[in-house]
Amino acid sequence: MKKNTKVNGENILYHYIQKNILDSDEISDFQKKLIEHFIVDLSIWIPINLYKKNPILIPFVIRDPSCRNKNPLTGKHEWGMANENGFIRDDNSLIKGIFKSCPIISSEIKEYNNHYLGNGFVASHIWREINNTDKLASRLPYTNSFIPNLVWLPKQISKLTDRENSYAQKLLQSLSYKIYRKANSDDYTNEIWSFLPNPEIDIEIDKSDLNYFEISDTWIESRLKKLTKEIENILNTIENKPLTIKKVKCSVYLPTLKENLLDSEKVGFKNWLIKSKERINYTTQQQI
C-alpha cells in the first residue's frame, strides 16, 4: 500500500455505488431501493406550468463541449458562437443558470425547501442515446433543452446517471415520462417525445412528492417575451433586417451567425425557429 494515500470524501459516495453496486452483474432489490431513494429524494425538476407553455427552454442552443477549447489561430474559446447550422454552441452554461433565481419547493427534504441552488449541482440530460438518430440528445436542438430531458442532481448522484443503460439512468427516464408525458399533446411536443425511449420502470411515486423549482406565471411571461424577441432578432439577422436588441445570449452570437450559417442550412434553421415561436405564441394565448 502506498504511503500517505488519501481518500477524497467528496467523491466516496459515487465510488461506493459505482464499484460496490453498479459493477456487480445483478442489482439486488435492496440496491435498487437505495438508488431509487437517491434519485427520487434528491432530484429537482422543472414544474409542469412552464413545460406546458415552453417545452423547449432555448430552441436555438445545442451542447458543444469543444466550444471551450481555444482556437489555435485566435487563442480564444468559441463559446456562444454560431455553428454552421445557426445554433449557439454551449457547454451547458446557458441551461444550468436558468433557475438560479427560483427557490426549490420540497415536501420531503428540508435542506431543499425554500432554498436556492448553490454549488455542487449538475443540470443533467436524462437521455443520452435516443431513437431515430446516432447523435446524442444534447447535440440536437429539440432535445438539448427539452424540459423532460433535464433534471438537476447533486454532482455525485448525477455521475451515476451518466452510465448508459444503468438503472439510475432508466429510473430518471421513467420518472420523466410519469411527470411530463401526458401534460402536452400538441404535434410539436409529441414529435420530440418520439426520440425518447421509455424504459417503463415500475415505481410507485406521487409526482407531487418530488422536488420542483417554484416558477411563477409572472416569471414565465417575462421569460417567454424575452425568448420571442430573441427568436425575432435571430430571424432578422438572417434576413438582414434591423435588430431590436443588441445581443442574443452573448455578444458574439449574432455577428458569427451572419458569418457561419451556411446558405444550405438557412431554410431549415428559419423554419425551426418559426415553429418554436408559433408554439410559444399559441400557448401564451391559451388558458392552461
Protein backbone atom coordinates (compact mmCIF):
# COMPACT_ATOMS: atom_id res chain seq x y z
CA MET A 1 0.00 0.00 0.00
CA LYS A 2 1.28 3.46 -0.91
CA LYS A 3 2.21 5.70 1.99
CA ASN A 4 0.18 8.84 2.64
CA THR A 5 -2.55 7.76 0.25
CA LYS A 6 -5.64 9.90 0.90
CA VAL A 7 -9.28 9.36 0.10
CA ASN A 8 -11.48 12.21 -1.13
CA GLY A 9 -14.68 12.27 0.90
CA GLU A 10 -16.42 14.42 -1.74
CA ASN A 11 -16.33 11.52 -4.20
CA ILE A 12 -16.62 8.48 -1.94
CA LEU A 13 -20.37 8.09 -2.29
CA TYR A 14 -20.11 7.86 -6.06
CA HIS A 15 -17.21 5.39 -5.92
CA TYR A 16 -19.01 3.24 -3.35
CA ILE A 17 -22.12 2.94 -5.51
CA GLN A 18 -20.15 2.61 -8.75
CA LYS A 19 -17.78 -0.12 -7.56
CA ASN A 20 -19.79 -1.90 -4.88
CA ILE A 21 -23.21 -1.85 -6.51
CA LEU A 22 -23.23 -0.98 -10.21
CA ASP A 23 -20.22 -3.11 -11.15
CA SER A 24 -21.97 -6.26 -9.94
CA ASP A 25 -23.64 -8.48 -12.52
CA GLU A 26 -27.08 -8.06 -10.99
CA ILE A 27 -28.61 -5.36 -8.82
CA SER A 28 -30.42 -6.64 -5.77
CA ASP A 29 -33.78 -5.30 -4.65
CA PHE A 30 -32.06 -3.52 -1.77
CA GLN A 31 -29.59 -1.85 -4.12
CA LYS A 32 -32.41 -0.75 -6.41
CA LYS A 33 -34.22 0.77 -3.46
CA LEU A 34 -31.07 2.61 -2.44
CA ILE A 35 -30.67 4.11 -5.90
CA GLU A 36 -34.38 4.95 -6.00
CA HIS A 37 -34.11 6.88 -2.74
CA PHE A 38 -31.13 8.87 -4.03
CA ILE A 39 -32.84 9.72 -7.32
CA VAL A 40 -36.38 10.35 -6.07
CA ASP A 41 -35.41 12.22 -2.91
CA LEU A 42 -32.63 14.40 -4.35
CA SER A 43 -33.64 15.18 -7.95
CA ILE A 44 -35.03 18.65 -8.71
CA TRP A 45 -37.48 19.01 -11.59
CA ILE A 46 -38.93 21.80 -13.73
CA PRO A 47 -42.62 22.32 -12.94
CA ILE A 48 -45.45 21.48 -15.29
CA ASN A 49 -46.68 25.08 -15.63
CA LEU A 50 -43.51 26.03 -17.54
CA TYR A 51 -43.41 22.82 -19.56
CA LYS A 52 -46.95 23.37 -20.85
CA LYS A 53 -46.12 26.82 -22.17
CA ASN A 54 -42.50 26.36 -23.23
CA PRO A 55 -41.47 22.70 -23.66
CA ILE A 56 -38.06 23.68 -25.09
CA LEU A 57 -36.21 26.22 -22.96
CA ILE A 58 -33.78 27.55 -25.60
CA PRO A 59 -34.57 26.16 -29.07
CA PHE A 60 -31.54 27.81 -30.73
CA VAL A 61 -28.88 26.30 -28.46
CA ILE A 62 -27.02 22.99 -28.68
CA ARG A 63 -24.38 21.48 -26.45
CA ASP A 64 -20.87 21.51 -27.90
CA PRO A 65 -18.15 20.85 -25.28
CA SER A 66 -15.45 21.76 -27.79
CA CYS A 67 -16.58 25.40 -27.71
CA ARG A 68 -14.43 25.95 -24.61
CA ASN A 69 -11.28 24.83 -26.43
CA LYS A 70 -9.06 27.68 -27.55
CA ASN A 71 -8.92 28.29 -31.27
CA PRO A 72 -5.23 27.87 -32.24
CA LEU A 73 -5.50 30.83 -34.63
CA THR A 74 -7.12 33.34 -32.28
CA GLY A 75 -6.14 31.94 -28.89
CA LYS A 76 -9.76 32.39 -27.75
CA HIS A 77 -12.53 29.91 -26.99
CA GLU A 78 -15.64 29.80 -29.20
CA TRP A 79 -18.37 29.60 -26.60
CA GLY A 80 -21.52 31.39 -27.72
CA MET A 81 -20.57 31.45 -31.39
CA ALA A 82 -22.90 30.16 -34.09
CA ASN A 83 -22.17 26.86 -35.76
CA GLU A 84 -22.71 26.21 -39.47
CA ASN A 85 -26.34 25.22 -38.76
CA GLY A 86 -27.07 28.50 -36.97
CA PHE A 87 -27.23 27.27 -33.37
CA ILE A 88 -25.37 28.71 -30.38
CA ARG A 89 -22.51 26.48 -29.25
CA ASP A 90 -22.82 26.00 -25.49
CA ASP A 91 -21.19 23.87 -22.81
CA ASN A 92 -24.43 23.61 -20.80
CA SER A 93 -23.83 27.00 -19.14
CA LEU A 94 -26.93 28.61 -20.64
CA ILE A 95 -29.19 25.85 -19.32
CA LYS A 96 -27.77 25.36 -15.84
CA GLY A 97 -28.13 29.02 -14.92
CA ILE A 98 -31.79 29.45 -15.86
CA PHE A 99 -33.30 28.59 -12.48
CA LYS A 100 -30.76 30.06 -10.06
CA SER A 101 -33.26 32.76 -9.07
CA CYS A 102 -36.04 30.21 -8.45
CA PRO A 103 -36.44 28.63 -5.00
CA ILE A 104 -36.82 24.88 -4.60
CA ILE A 105 -40.07 23.51 -3.22
CA SER A 106 -39.73 20.20 -1.37
CA SER A 107 -42.14 18.44 0.95
CA GLU A 108 -39.58 15.81 1.94
CA ILE A 109 -36.11 17.41 2.03
CA LYS A 110 -35.94 20.37 4.42
CA GLU A 111 -32.44 21.28 3.18
CA TYR A 112 -34.04 21.94 -0.22
CA ASN A 113 -37.31 23.60 0.73
CA ASN A 114 -37.35 27.37 0.06
CA HIS A 115 -33.63 27.31 -0.72
CA TYR A 116 -31.84 28.18 -3.97
CA LEU A 117 -29.33 26.20 -5.99
CA GLY A 118 -25.78 26.54 -4.72
CA ASN A 119 -22.59 24.78 -5.70
CA GLY A 120 -22.40 21.05 -6.35
CA PHE A 121 -25.47 20.61 -8.55
CA VAL A 122 -25.50 19.48 -12.18
CA ALA A 123 -28.10 20.17 -14.85
CA SER A 124 -28.22 16.61 -16.18
CA HIS A 125 -29.53 15.35 -19.50
CA ILE A 126 -31.75 12.37 -18.72
CA TRP A 127 -31.39 10.78 -22.16
CA ARG A 128 -28.06 10.43 -23.91
CA GLU A 129 -28.65 7.94 -26.72
CA ILE A 130 -32.05 8.38 -28.37
CA ASN A 131 -34.27 6.92 -31.08
CA ASN A 132 -34.03 7.62 -34.81
CA THR A 133 -30.53 9.13 -34.82
CA ASP A 134 -26.94 8.32 -33.94
CA LYS A 135 -26.47 11.80 -32.44
CA LEU A 136 -26.60 12.35 -28.70
CA ALA A 137 -29.66 14.07 -27.26
CA SER A 138 -27.67 17.10 -26.10
CA ARG A 139 -26.35 17.64 -29.64
CA LEU A 140 -29.84 18.13 -31.07
CA PRO A 141 -31.69 21.46 -30.64
CA TYR A 142 -35.07 19.87 -29.95
CA THR A 143 -33.85 17.54 -27.20
CA ASN A 144 -30.96 19.54 -25.71
CA SER A 145 -33.17 21.90 -23.69
CA PHE A 146 -36.41 19.89 -23.86
CA ILE A 147 -37.75 20.11 -20.31
CA PRO A 148 -38.47 16.37 -19.89
CA ASN A 149 -34.80 15.71 -20.74
CA LEU A 150 -33.50 17.88 -17.89
CA VAL A 151 -33.16 17.35 -14.16
CA TRP A 152 -30.92 18.91 -11.50
CA LEU A 153 -28.95 16.48 -9.34
CA PRO A 154 -26.22 16.64 -6.69
CA LYS A 155 -22.92 16.09 -8.52
CA GLN A 156 -22.16 12.64 -7.10
CA ILE A 157 -25.65 11.36 -7.90
CA SER A 158 -25.51 12.80 -11.43
CA LYS A 159 -22.40 10.69 -12.15
CA LEU A 160 -24.46 7.53 -11.66
CA THR A 161 -26.92 8.56 -14.36
CA ASP A 162 -24.17 9.14 -16.96
CA ARG A 163 -23.66 5.41 -17.29
CA GLU A 164 -25.62 4.32 -20.37
CA ASN A 165 -28.49 1.91 -19.62
CA SER A 166 -27.76 1.99 -15.89
CA TYR A 167 -30.65 1.51 -13.50
CA ALA A 168 -30.23 5.12 -12.32
CA GLN A 169 -30.49 6.46 -15.87
CA LYS A 170 -33.51 4.33 -16.71
CA LEU A 171 -35.19 5.33 -13.46
CA LEU A 172 -34.86 9.01 -14.34
CA GLN A 173 -36.26 8.37 -17.81
CA SER A 174 -39.23 6.54 -16.38
CA LEU A 175 -39.87 9.33 -13.85
CA SER A 176 -39.76 11.91 -16.64
CA TYR A 177 -42.42 10.00 -18.54
CA LYS A 178 -44.61 9.89 -15.45
CA ILE A 179 -44.22 13.62 -14.81
CA TYR A 180 -44.48 15.11 -18.29
CA ARG A 181 -45.67 12.73 -21.00
CA LYS A 182 -49.41 13.35 -20.69
CA ALA A 183 -49.18 17.06 -19.87
CA ASN A 184 -48.84 18.19 -23.52
CA SER A 185 -50.45 16.63 -26.58
CA ASP A 186 -49.57 19.03 -29.41
CA ASP A 187 -47.72 17.85 -32.53
CA TYR A 188 -44.65 19.97 -31.77
CA THR A 189 -44.10 18.24 -28.43
CA ASN A 190 -45.18 14.75 -29.50
CA GLU A 191 -42.62 14.74 -32.29
CA ILE A 192 -39.84 15.33 -29.77
CA TRP A 193 -41.11 12.59 -27.46
CA SER A 194 -40.75 10.10 -30.32
CA PHE A 195 -36.96 10.36 -29.90
CA LEU A 196 -37.02 9.42 -26.21
CA PRO A 197 -37.38 5.71 -25.32
CA ASN A 198 -39.34 4.80 -22.22
CA PRO A 199 -37.80 2.00 -20.08
CA GLU A 200 -41.07 1.80 -18.11
CA ILE A 201 -39.59 1.01 -14.73
CA ASP A 202 -42.40 0.17 -12.38
CA ILE A 203 -42.06 2.54 -9.45
CA GLU A 204 -44.86 3.83 -7.26
CA ILE A 205 -44.39 7.57 -6.88
CA ASP A 206 -46.66 10.51 -6.17
CA LYS A 207 -45.44 13.23 -8.54
CA SER A 208 -46.36 15.89 -6.00
CA ASP A 209 -43.79 14.45 -3.57
CA LEU A 210 -40.90 15.26 -5.90
CA ASN A 211 -38.79 18.42 -5.66
CA TYR A 212 -39.51 21.23 -8.11
CA PHE A 213 -38.35 24.74 -8.82
CA GLU A 214 -41.02 27.25 -7.89
CA ILE A 215 -41.81 29.28 -11.00
CA SER A 216 -44.49 31.95 -11.06
CA ASP A 217 -46.69 32.86 -14.03
CA THR A 218 -45.06 36.30 -14.00
CA TRP A 219 -41.60 34.71 -14.32
CA ILE A 220 -42.84 32.58 -17.23
CA GLU A 221 -44.47 35.52 -19.00
CA SER A 222 -41.30 37.59 -18.73
CA ARG A 223 -39.13 34.75 -19.99
CA LEU A 224 -41.37 33.98 -22.98
CA LYS A 225 -41.46 37.63 -24.03
CA LYS A 226 -37.67 37.73 -23.98
CA LEU A 227 -37.39 34.41 -25.83
CA THR A 228 -39.79 35.64 -28.51
CA LYS A 229 -37.71 38.79 -29.00
CA GLU A 230 -34.54 36.72 -29.24
CA ILE A 231 -36.03 34.47 -31.92
CA GLU A 232 -37.25 37.51 -33.85
CA ASN A 233 -33.79 39.05 -33.79
CA ILE A 234 -32.15 35.84 -34.94
CA LEU A 235 -34.57 35.78 -37.88
CA ASN A 236 -33.89 39.47 -38.55
CA THR A 237 -30.15 38.79 -38.57
CA ILE A 238 -30.56 36.04 -41.14
CA GLU A 239 -32.75 38.29 -43.30
CA ASN A 240 -30.53 41.39 -42.86
CA LYS A 241 -33.30 43.34 -41.13
CA PRO A 242 -32.87 45.86 -38.27
CA LEU A 243 -32.45 44.46 -34.75
CA THR A 244 -34.47 45.50 -31.70
CA ILE A 245 -31.99 44.10 -29.15
CA LYS A 246 -28.19 44.23 -29.19
CA LYS A 247 -27.43 40.60 -28.45
CA VAL A 248 -28.96 37.15 -28.04
CA LYS A 249 -27.46 35.36 -25.02
CA CYS A 250 -23.93 36.58 -25.77
CA SER A 251 -22.38 39.35 -27.85
CA VAL A 252 -20.58 37.06 -30.32
CA TYR A 253 -23.61 35.05 -31.44
CA LEU A 254 -25.40 37.34 -33.91
CA PRO A 255 -22.20 38.53 -35.67
CA THR A 256 -20.95 34.95 -36.07
CA LEU A 257 -24.42 33.82 -37.18
CA LYS A 258 -24.09 36.01 -40.26
CA GLU A 259 -20.59 34.65 -40.91
CA ASN A 260 -21.01 30.95 -40.12
CA LEU A 261 -24.56 29.95 -41.13
CA LEU A 262 -24.38 28.02 -44.38
CA ASP A 263 -26.79 29.00 -47.14
CA SER A 264 -27.88 25.37 -47.38
CA GLU A 265 -28.94 25.44 -43.70
CA LYS A 266 -30.86 28.74 -43.67
CA VAL A 267 -34.29 27.43 -44.61
CA GLY A 268 -34.25 24.57 -42.10
CA PHE A 269 -32.99 26.79 -39.30
CA LYS A 270 -35.55 29.52 -40.02
CA ASN A 271 -38.41 27.02 -40.19
CA TRP A 272 -37.41 25.55 -36.82
CA LEU A 273 -37.30 29.00 -35.20
CA ILE A 274 -40.65 30.00 -36.68
CA LYS A 275 -42.22 26.75 -35.49
CA SER A 276 -40.82 27.32 -31.98
CA LYS A 277 -42.06 30.91 -31.92
CA GLU A 278 -45.52 29.83 -33.05
CA ARG A 279 -45.59 27.24 -30.24
CA ILE A 280 -44.81 29.96 -27.69
CA ASN A 281 -47.41 32.35 -29.14
CA TYR A 282 -50.08 29.66 -29.22
CA THR A 283 -49.66 28.52 -25.63
CA THR A 284 -49.43 32.04 -24.19
CA GLN A 285 -52.88 32.68 -25.63
CA GLN A 286 -54.42 29.62 -24.02
CA GLN A 287 -55.88 29.20 -20.55
CA ILE A 288 -53.76 26.29 -19.32
